[in-house]
Amino acid sequence: MAEIIREDHKVWIADLPPKTGKNSVIAAISRCLQSLGLPVDYEYLMGIGSQAFRIQFSWCPSAPHAFCGFNTTNPALAAVGYTLIQLSTTCPSHRDDIEEPNDAEVVRALKAVRDSIDQGIPCIGDWEESDVINGYEQLPDGRIGLLNAGGQSITQLPWSVGLLQQTTSQPSREESFRWSLQTAVTHAHTPVSSGYSMDERTVMSYPGGFAAWEKWIGELNDPAVVQLDDLPDDAWFGHCLGNAWTLESLIDARYTAAGYLRTSSKDMTAIADHLNRAADHYQEIGRLLEVAWHSARYPWQPNARAEWDLPARRNQADVMSTAFAYEKQTVSALEDTLTVIQ
């Protein structure tokens, strides 16, 4: 059990593992589980939950989030014998200021976090991205405050909190691995990716799989479909951010997929060659996407609007088209692998 530090009005869990990876939800869960002594890392959770293989795109930076669309957090946790209970900490929704900080729903969620920390189990805080809640403090007015991984006060309540709970059973490692490959193939051929988002309190849908690649590449190339150069600044900011963050997240995912398959091949000698070939493809996809990344911009970068012009977007699309061809080859390789292990 992790060491719990109690100092004055603060309580926190010591020695949280360092953060790795781009996907904030999977990274936070990885740190929490490692603090509990589980031998699972970011790469494994990304792969076993299928986030490493997933693609969603809609010009919105929410598309790569593990909770949005096809939720990859639940299967990742199920594979290691855990589940995530999410409780809202905003009322009536995260898009409004919290006018009632003592709302019963919020109070119940904060007490649940406190109880979890007292048991040595870190929690997840969900804003636009997710992070670890590593402790709590008793505030002068009697309310419970939250602490981040550095032991510092969290000044803005998250939209929701996630509590880790151990389950009574879990699938075998082989079953979970086979599910991850089958889901990678299924997702590639599923044009719409949907799922309920606790943070948004609604079902969220995105173009997914091959359809997401086609939408993204096609709309980068065709200024008549998405007239980025004519958008007002606030709308352009969101589109530019969605492009850059989805691309950066996809680079991370595909490199992680390569690592996950290579690591898995060491324990699965009968299909090691298949897995290593697929891993090589994912590695090349990551490399190509890094080349495409040179054409992308975050909206806060100097001269971003001028530099991410139509020629730059078309150059990004050209490189992504090559990466997409490798993606289709890789999915075929996974299909061949599944015929061997099923």
Protein backbone atom coordinates (compact mmCIF):
# COMPACT_ATOMS: atom_id res chain seq x y z
CA MET A 1 0.00 0.00 0.00
CA ALA A 2 1.22 3.48 -0.86
CA GLU A 3 2.46 5.67 1.98
CA ILE A 4 -0.05 8.26 3.15
CA ILE A 5 1.29 11.58 4.45
CA ARG A 6 -0.80 13.58 6.93
CA GLU A 7 0.41 17.09 7.63
CA ASP A 8 -1.72 19.74 9.31
CA HIS A 9 -4.91 19.97 7.28
CA LYS A 10 -3.57 18.08 4.23
CA VAL A 11 -3.50 14.35 3.39
CA TRP A 12 -1.76 12.98 0.32
CA ILE A 13 -0.25 9.83 -1.16
CA ALA A 14 3.52 9.83 -1.40
CA ASP A 15 5.78 8.82 -4.30
CA LEU A 16 3.38 8.86 -7.22
CA PRO A 17 5.04 7.44 -10.37
CA PRO A 18 6.03 10.03 -13.01
CA LYS A 19 3.71 10.90 -15.88
CA THR A 20 4.27 9.29 -19.28
CA GLY A 21 2.39 9.47 -22.59
CA LYS A 22 0.13 11.98 -24.30
CA ASN A 23 -3.28 10.51 -23.50
CA SER A 24 -4.13 12.16 -20.20
CA VAL A 25 -6.74 9.63 -19.05
CA ILE A 26 -4.62 6.55 -19.69
CA ALA A 27 -1.54 8.29 -18.29
CA ALA A 28 -3.37 9.21 -15.07
CA ILE A 29 -4.82 5.72 -14.65
CA SER A 30 -1.40 4.19 -15.26
CA ARG A 31 0.12 6.30 -12.48
CA CYS A 32 -2.69 5.40 -10.09
CA LEU A 33 -2.44 1.66 -10.74
CA GLN A 34 1.35 1.67 -10.47
CA SER A 35 1.09 3.45 -7.13
CA LEU A 36 -1.04 0.49 -6.00
CA GLY A 37 1.71 -1.92 -7.03
CA LEU A 38 0.24 -3.19 -10.29
CA PRO A 39 2.88 -3.99 -12.94
CA VAL A 40 1.06 -2.16 -15.74
CA ASP A 41 2.44 0.78 -17.67
CA TYR A 42 1.06 3.36 -20.09
CA GLU A 43 1.98 1.32 -23.16
CA TYR A 44 0.15 -1.77 -21.92
CA LEU A 45 -3.02 0.11 -20.96
CA MET A 46 -3.04 1.99 -24.28
CA GLY A 47 -2.83 -1.31 -26.14
CA ILE A 48 -5.05 -3.57 -24.04
CA GLY A 49 -7.85 -0.98 -24.01
CA SER A 50 -7.41 -0.37 -27.79
CA GLN A 51 -6.67 3.38 -27.46
CA ALA A 52 -3.37 2.75 -29.26
CA PHE A 53 -5.33 1.55 -32.32
CA ARG A 54 -8.25 4.00 -32.20
CA ILE A 55 -8.71 7.06 -34.40
CA GLN A 56 -11.54 9.60 -34.19
CA PHE A 57 -11.65 12.95 -35.94
CA SER A 58 -14.08 15.88 -36.03
CA TRP A 59 -11.94 19.07 -35.91
CA CYS A 60 -12.60 19.05 -32.17
CA PRO A 61 -9.74 18.51 -29.67
CA SER A 62 -12.01 16.17 -27.70
CA ALA A 63 -11.73 13.47 -30.39
CA PRO A 64 -8.58 11.74 -29.01
CA HIS A 65 -9.88 11.77 -25.41
CA ALA A 66 -10.27 8.25 -24.02
CA PHE A 67 -13.70 9.00 -22.54
CA CYS A 68 -15.15 10.49 -25.73
CA GLY A 69 -16.73 8.42 -28.47
CA PHE A 70 -15.61 4.81 -28.06
CA ASN A 71 -14.52 4.70 -24.40
CA THR A 72 -11.20 2.87 -24.15
CA THR A 73 -10.76 3.41 -20.42
CA ASN A 74 -13.28 0.82 -19.31
CA PRO A 75 -11.75 -2.15 -21.20
CA ALA A 76 -8.23 -1.12 -20.17
CA LEU A 77 -9.24 -1.18 -16.51
CA ALA A 78 -11.31 -4.35 -16.86
CA ALA A 79 -8.25 -6.13 -18.25
CA VAL A 80 -6.38 -5.49 -14.98
CA GLY A 81 -9.30 -6.15 -12.65
CA TYR A 82 -10.50 -2.60 -11.97
CA THR A 83 -13.37 -0.34 -12.83
CA LEU A 84 -13.80 3.45 -12.73
CA ILE A 85 -16.74 5.05 -10.94
CA GLN A 86 -17.28 8.62 -12.14
CA LEU A 87 -19.06 11.20 -10.00
CA SER A 88 -19.99 14.69 -11.12
CA THR A 89 -18.40 17.63 -9.32
CA THR A 90 -20.12 20.42 -11.25
CA CYS A 91 -23.69 21.61 -11.27
CA PRO A 92 -25.65 21.94 -13.40
CA SER A 93 -22.94 21.35 -16.02
CA HIS A 94 -19.25 22.05 -16.45
CA ARG A 95 -20.01 24.77 -18.97
CA ASP A 96 -21.43 26.99 -16.23
CA ASP A 97 -19.76 28.47 -13.17
CA ILE A 98 -20.33 26.50 -10.00
CA GLU A 99 -22.78 28.66 -8.10
CA GLU A 100 -23.58 26.07 -5.44
CA PRO A 101 -20.29 24.55 -4.19
CA ASN A 102 -22.15 22.78 -1.39
CA ASP A 103 -24.54 21.03 -3.75
CA ALA A 104 -25.24 17.53 -2.39
CA GLU A 105 -23.90 15.84 -5.53
CA VAL A 106 -20.60 17.73 -5.31
CA VAL A 107 -20.25 17.13 -1.56
CA ARG A 108 -20.85 13.40 -2.04
CA ALA A 109 -18.19 13.22 -4.77
CA LEU A 110 -15.59 15.07 -2.69
CA LYS A 111 -16.22 12.83 0.32
CA ALA A 112 -15.77 9.79 -1.92
CA VAL A 113 -12.38 11.17 -3.03
CA ARG A 114 -11.41 11.74 0.59
CA ASP A 115 -12.33 8.16 1.51
CA SER A 116 -10.34 6.80 -1.43
CA ILE A 117 -7.24 8.80 -0.51
CA ASP A 118 -7.54 7.59 3.09
CA GLN A 119 -7.34 4.05 1.70
CA GLY A 120 -4.21 4.93 -0.28
CA ILE A 121 -5.95 4.94 -3.67
CA PRO A 122 -5.42 8.02 -5.89
CA CYS A 123 -8.32 9.34 -7.97
CA ILE A 124 -8.79 10.87 -11.41
CA GLY A 125 -9.85 14.46 -11.97
CA ASP A 126 -11.44 15.27 -15.32
CA TRP A 127 -11.24 18.71 -16.92
CA GLU A 128 -10.64 19.20 -20.66
CA GLU A 129 -7.91 16.65 -19.96
CA SER A 130 -7.48 14.36 -16.96
CA ASP A 131 -4.98 14.26 -14.14
CA VAL A 132 -4.34 12.50 -10.85
CA ILE A 133 -5.96 13.68 -7.64
CA ASN A 134 -3.38 12.69 -5.09
CA GLY A 135 -4.78 14.09 -1.87
CA TYR A 136 -7.25 16.34 -0.11
CA GLU A 137 -7.31 19.14 2.41
CA GLN A 138 -9.81 20.28 4.99
CA LEU A 139 -10.67 23.90 4.17
CA PRO A 140 -11.39 26.49 6.88
CA ASP A 141 -15.09 26.67 5.94
CA GLY A 142 -15.48 22.89 6.42
CA ARG A 143 -15.42 21.95 2.75
CA ILE A 144 -13.04 19.40 1.25
CA GLY A 145 -10.39 20.66 -1.14
CA LEU A 146 -8.43 18.55 -3.63
CA LEU A 147 -4.66 18.22 -4.11
CA ASN A 148 -2.84 17.46 -7.35
CA ALA A 149 0.06 15.07 -7.87
CA GLY A 150 2.46 17.70 -6.56
CA GLY A 151 0.50 18.06 -3.34
CA GLN A 152 -0.71 21.52 -4.30
CA SER A 153 -4.27 22.79 -3.96
CA ILE A 154 -6.56 22.37 -6.97
CA THR A 155 -8.26 25.73 -7.34
CA GLN A 156 -10.77 24.81 -10.05
CA LEU A 157 -13.00 21.83 -9.40
CA PRO A 158 -12.87 19.15 -12.09
CA TRP A 159 -15.95 18.38 -14.13
CA SER A 160 -16.02 14.90 -12.60
CA VAL A 161 -13.89 12.65 -10.43
CA GLY A 162 -13.05 9.01 -11.10
CA LEU A 163 -12.75 6.45 -8.30
CA LEU A 164 -10.85 3.22 -8.90
CA GLN A 165 -12.48 0.06 -7.55
CA GLN A 166 -11.15 -3.45 -7.75
CA THR A 167 -13.43 -6.02 -9.37
CA THR A 168 -13.97 -9.60 -8.26
CA SER A 169 -12.83 -11.09 -11.56
CA GLN A 170 -10.99 -10.23 -14.73
CA PRO A 171 -10.46 -11.83 -18.13
CA SER A 172 -7.28 -13.73 -18.84
CA ARG A 173 -4.41 -11.79 -20.36
CA GLU A 174 -4.84 -13.79 -23.56
CA GLU A 175 -8.56 -12.94 -23.77
CA SER A 176 -7.86 -9.25 -23.26
CA PHE A 177 -5.09 -9.27 -25.85
CA ARG A 178 -7.29 -10.98 -28.43
CA TRP A 179 -10.06 -8.46 -27.68
CA SER A 180 -7.66 -5.56 -28.25
CA LEU A 181 -6.72 -6.83 -31.72
CA GLN A 182 -10.29 -7.65 -32.67
CA THR A 183 -11.43 -4.21 -31.53
CA ALA A 184 -8.65 -2.58 -33.54
CA VAL A 185 -9.95 -4.30 -36.67
CA THR A 186 -13.61 -3.65 -35.88
CA HIS A 187 -12.99 0.00 -35.12
CA ALA A 188 -11.10 0.48 -38.38
CA HIS A 189 -14.18 -0.61 -40.33
CA THR A 190 -16.73 1.24 -38.18
CA PRO A 191 -17.44 4.69 -39.67
CA VAL A 192 -19.06 6.24 -36.57
CA SER A 193 -17.62 5.92 -33.07
CA SER A 194 -20.06 6.68 -30.24
CA GLY A 195 -20.28 6.45 -26.48
CA TYR A 196 -21.66 8.13 -23.38
CA SER A 197 -19.44 10.82 -21.89
CA MET A 198 -19.81 11.39 -18.16
CA ASP A 199 -18.10 14.77 -18.44
CA GLU A 200 -20.47 15.98 -21.16
CA ARG A 201 -23.43 13.96 -19.80
CA THR A 202 -24.42 12.97 -23.31
CA VAL A 203 -23.66 10.48 -26.07
CA MET A 204 -20.80 11.77 -28.21
CA SER A 205 -20.16 10.56 -31.76
CA TYR A 206 -17.21 11.01 -34.11
CA PRO A 207 -16.16 9.74 -37.53
CA GLY A 208 -13.93 6.80 -36.69
CA GLY A 209 -11.56 4.29 -38.24
CA PHE A 210 -10.91 4.53 -41.97
CA ALA A 211 -13.78 7.04 -42.27
CA ALA A 212 -11.95 9.38 -39.88
CA TRP A 213 -8.78 9.19 -41.96
CA GLU A 214 -10.77 9.93 -45.14
CA LYS A 215 -12.64 12.86 -43.61
CA TRP A 216 -9.48 14.40 -42.17
CA ILE A 217 -7.36 14.05 -45.29
CA GLY A 218 -10.19 15.07 -47.62
CA GLU A 219 -11.08 18.23 -45.70
CA LEU A 220 -7.45 19.29 -45.34
CA ASN A 221 -7.22 19.09 -49.13
CA ASP A 222 -10.55 20.68 -50.04
CA PRO A 223 -11.03 24.30 -48.91
CA ALA A 224 -14.63 24.23 -50.14
CA VAL A 225 -15.63 21.68 -47.48
CA VAL A 226 -14.11 23.34 -44.41
CA GLN A 227 -13.28 26.94 -45.23
CA LEU A 228 -10.61 27.34 -42.58
CA ASP A 229 -9.13 30.52 -44.02
CA ASP A 230 -12.51 32.26 -43.83
CA LEU A 231 -13.39 31.26 -40.25
CA PRO A 232 -13.52 33.92 -37.53
CA ASP A 233 -10.65 33.76 -35.07
CA ASP A 234 -12.46 31.82 -32.33
CA ALA A 235 -13.75 29.14 -34.72
CA TRP A 236 -10.39 28.92 -36.49
CA PHE A 237 -8.67 28.50 -33.09
CA GLY A 238 -10.82 25.44 -32.31
CA HIS A 239 -10.24 23.83 -35.71
CA CYS A 240 -6.49 24.45 -35.58
CA LEU A 241 -6.30 23.05 -32.06
CA GLY A 242 -8.39 20.02 -33.02
CA ASN A 243 -6.10 19.24 -35.94
CA ALA A 244 -2.86 19.65 -33.98
CA TRP A 245 -3.91 17.81 -30.83
CA THR A 246 -5.52 14.93 -32.73
CA LEU A 247 -2.37 14.57 -34.84
CA GLU A 248 -0.01 14.72 -31.86
CA SER A 249 -2.19 12.19 -30.01
CA LEU A 250 -2.28 9.88 -33.02
CA ILE A 251 1.52 9.92 -33.26
CA ASP A 252 1.70 8.86 -29.62
CA ALA A 253 -0.96 6.19 -30.14
CA ARG A 254 0.68 4.57 -33.15
CA TYR A 255 4.14 4.48 -31.60
CA THR A 256 2.53 2.99 -28.50
CA ALA A 257 0.76 0.38 -30.63
CA ALA A 258 4.13 -0.65 -32.05
CA GLY A 259 5.60 -1.03 -28.57
CA TYR A 260 2.57 -2.91 -27.26
CA LEU A 261 2.69 -5.46 -30.09
CA ARG A 262 6.45 -5.97 -29.82
CA THR A 263 6.25 -6.50 -26.07
CA SER A 264 3.33 -8.90 -26.51
CA SER A 265 5.23 -10.89 -29.14
CA LYS A 266 7.77 -11.97 -26.52
CA ASP A 267 5.10 -14.01 -24.73
CA MET A 268 3.30 -15.21 -27.87
CA THR A 269 5.93 -16.97 -29.90
CA ALA A 270 3.37 -18.67 -32.18
CA ILE A 271 2.30 -15.31 -33.61
CA ALA A 272 5.45 -13.30 -32.88
CA ASP A 273 6.24 -12.78 -36.56
CA HIS A 274 2.73 -11.48 -37.26
CA LEU A 275 2.88 -9.09 -34.31
CA ASN A 276 6.31 -7.78 -35.17
CA ARG A 277 5.28 -7.09 -38.78
CA ALA A 278 2.25 -5.17 -37.56
CA ALA A 279 4.48 -3.33 -35.09
CA ASP A 280 6.81 -2.31 -37.91
CA HIS A 281 3.84 -0.86 -39.80
CA TYR A 282 2.68 1.11 -36.76
CA GLN A 283 6.21 2.39 -36.24
CA GLU A 284 6.28 3.63 -39.83
CA ILE A 285 2.85 5.24 -39.42
CA GLY A 286 4.17 7.11 -36.39
CA ARG A 287 7.24 8.24 -38.32
CA LEU A 288 5.15 9.49 -41.23
CA LEU A 289 2.77 11.33 -38.94
CA GLU A 290 5.77 13.05 -37.36
CA VAL A 291 6.66 14.30 -40.84
CA ALA A 292 3.07 15.52 -41.28
CA TRP A 293 3.39 17.23 -37.90
CA HIS A 294 5.91 19.67 -39.38
CA SER A 295 3.05 21.20 -41.40
CA ALA A 296 0.65 21.52 -38.46
CA ARG A 297 0.49 24.36 -35.94
CA TYR A 298 -1.05 24.96 -32.56
CA PRO A 299 -3.16 28.13 -32.63
CA TRP A 300 -1.06 29.86 -29.97
CA GLN A 301 2.18 29.49 -31.91
CA PRO A 302 3.54 32.69 -33.50
CA ASN A 303 2.16 33.27 -37.02
CA ALA A 304 0.12 30.05 -36.79
CA ARG A 305 -2.75 31.31 -38.92
CA ALA A 306 -0.44 32.46 -41.71
CA GLU A 307 1.77 29.37 -41.61
CA TRP A 308 -0.99 26.76 -41.45
CA ASP A 309 -2.29 27.86 -44.82
CA LEU A 310 -3.76 25.77 -47.64
CA PRO A 311 -0.37 24.62 -49.02
CA ALA A 312 0.71 23.53 -45.53
CA ARG A 313 -2.57 21.72 -44.95
CA ARG A 314 -2.28 19.96 -48.29
CA ASN A 315 1.27 18.92 -47.49
CA GLN A 316 0.03 17.50 -44.19
CA ALA A 317 -2.70 15.66 -46.07
CA ASP A 318 -0.25 14.20 -48.62
CA VAL A 319 1.94 12.69 -45.92
CA MET A 320 -1.10 11.47 -44.00
CA SER A 321 -2.34 9.75 -47.16
CA THR A 322 0.82 7.66 -47.19
CA ALA A 323 0.36 6.90 -43.50
CA PHE A 324 -3.25 5.90 -44.17
CA ALA A 325 -2.10 3.38 -46.76
CA TYR A 326 0.14 1.81 -44.12
CA GLU A 327 -2.77 1.85 -41.67
CA LYS A 328 -4.89 -0.23 -44.04
CA GLN A 329 -2.01 -2.68 -44.52
CA THR A 330 -1.61 -2.94 -40.76
CA VAL A 331 -5.28 -3.69 -40.17
CA SER A 332 -4.99 -6.47 -42.77
CA ALA A 333 -2.00 -7.82 -40.87
CA LEU A 334 -4.02 -7.83 -37.66
CA GLU A 335 -6.84 -9.64 -39.43
CA ASP A 336 -4.35 -12.31 -40.51
CA THR A 337 -3.07 -12.57 -36.94
CA LEU A 338 -6.58 -13.08 -35.59
CA THR A 339 -7.14 -16.03 -37.94
CA VAL A 340 -4.16 -17.73 -36.29
CA ILE A 341 -5.17 -17.19 -32.66
CA GLN A 342 -8.94 -17.66 -32.90
